[in-house]
Amino acid sequence: MVDLSRKFDVLVIGGGNAALCAAISARRDGASVLVLEGAPKFYRGGNTRHTRNMRCAHDAATAILTGPYTEEEFFEDLLRVTGGQTDEELARHMIAESKDILNWIVEQGVRWQPSLGGTLSLGRTNSFFLGGGRAMLNALYLTAEQLGVEILYDAEVVELEIERGMFLSATLKQGDGHARVRAATLVAAAGGFEANIEWLKQYWGEAADNFLIRGTPYNRGAILKLLLAKGVQAIGDPTQCHAVAIDARAPKFDGGIITRHDSVVFGIVVNRNAERFYDEGEDIWPKRYAIWGRLVAAQPDQIAHIIFDASSRNSFMPTLFPPLEGDSIAALAEELELDPAALEKTIATFNAAVRPGTFDHTVLDDCRTEGLTPPKSHWARRIETPPYYAYPVRPGITFTYLGTRVNKQARMLMQDGKPSANMFAAGEIMAGNVLGQGYAAGIGMTIGSVFGRIAGREAAKNAKN
């Protein structure tokens, strides 16, 4: 049993990667640590349960990475996907710190494996967790417990006592009653508000009813809302998020990685009017896969269809749901409840615009369209080999970017611009400092691990002082 009458050095709210990195870091620096995970034990870990890799800078190839990935290249990739919407000082600090994370995370019991193949093309830049996100989480929890970190599950925080930028206590809902938890410092690592459909609707309107939530149903933004109400400075556009196109047949919550589609570059994407609406071959897939959720969200009824033919059937990583199939374009259209004539016209127009080249999905190849709007800049091949296939997709929200502003010490900043006295943040709840828009594969885990480690270290130091 956890003794809630005592005052802890560090209180960590959250139970995913960022929270555990903070808890372990603080405990290794001698602090007493309590972790409050709002989910039941089986569902612990938030979105980390569904992840599989992390992007870290490194100067040379390793046993599991095929080559160097410099700090400057990492920053250039971040600039490209965010369109420059990032705090450069904070982003460069994170990237520099990420070089140590590759080894530090292994010291906490996590193991790596070589990159998965297919359309990911991440063998040089991203390290994959052996056993996936759940195995990574289990390793971190085991290490935390062995170090003496105390953990409570089903621990819903309903109030934060904060005075003039100083955290004093948290109120915890327990059964029919409440308990007060005191700590010298606070680390908020409780995720975004992506599972709060009503909050999403404030910015997206009724379209949000058609969004699917890839991860945990427990990330409802309660801690974020409390912090902002208590004077913490907000950062980020509330409409920006990590959103990918996932199978429209996925469950409303917690579908995870197996509902994501990596097949876009092998075909075309049409909306319910059977019209293309974006360049499917704009850039290498790991740098563009996370724009498709927002693109589909802007389409009528928030639905789209990835269409390809038999020549591409086995070219990408399979997903949980099989594709829909038709022996002709018209038959496929009927299956998708699209206008057959409209889909036949779209595909005929696309096929006529394709210019031959040497197809290679791992590079920006010379297979393109000409005189077509929108174009397909790379990997364009005629869709002409039956049977024809399609995946229906909807926006799959991973996490939101509205969050708390922090400095390089992961310390939250107040609305007057001054650092809080004893409050720190890590992970999705502060990701908007780095991700103003866009996403690159694995960077969410980088943000969580790097700022979690920093937040724990700094919180422990603050508690001692």
Foldseek 3Di string as FASTA:
>chain_A
DDDQVDAWLEEEEAFALLSLLLLLLLLVVPTAYEYEHQAAPVQGHWQLQQAWKAFAADQAADPAADTGHHLVNVVVLLCVFQVNLFDVVQSSLLRVLRHCLVVVLVVLVWDWHHDDDFQQLCRHGMTTTDVGRVVSSVSSVVSSVVSPHHYDYSWDWQAWDADPQATAWTWTDDDPDIDIHGHRFYEYAHFFQLLQLVVLCVPLNPLSVQEAAQIDNRRRHNVQVNVVVVFFDKFADQNFAQKAWFFSPADRYNSHDQRGDPCLLQAFKAAQQLAGDDASAPARCLQPRRCHQVVLSPGVSQKMKRKAAPVCLPRGDHGPDDWDKDQDQLRSCVVVVHHSVSNVVNLVVLQVQWDDWDADSSHQTCTWGPPDVPIHRGSRDRRDHDTMTMGMIGIHGHGGQIAFDADNLQFTAGPVRHGRLHYGYFANRHCNNGRNHGDGPNHRSSRSNSRSSSSSNVSSVSSVD
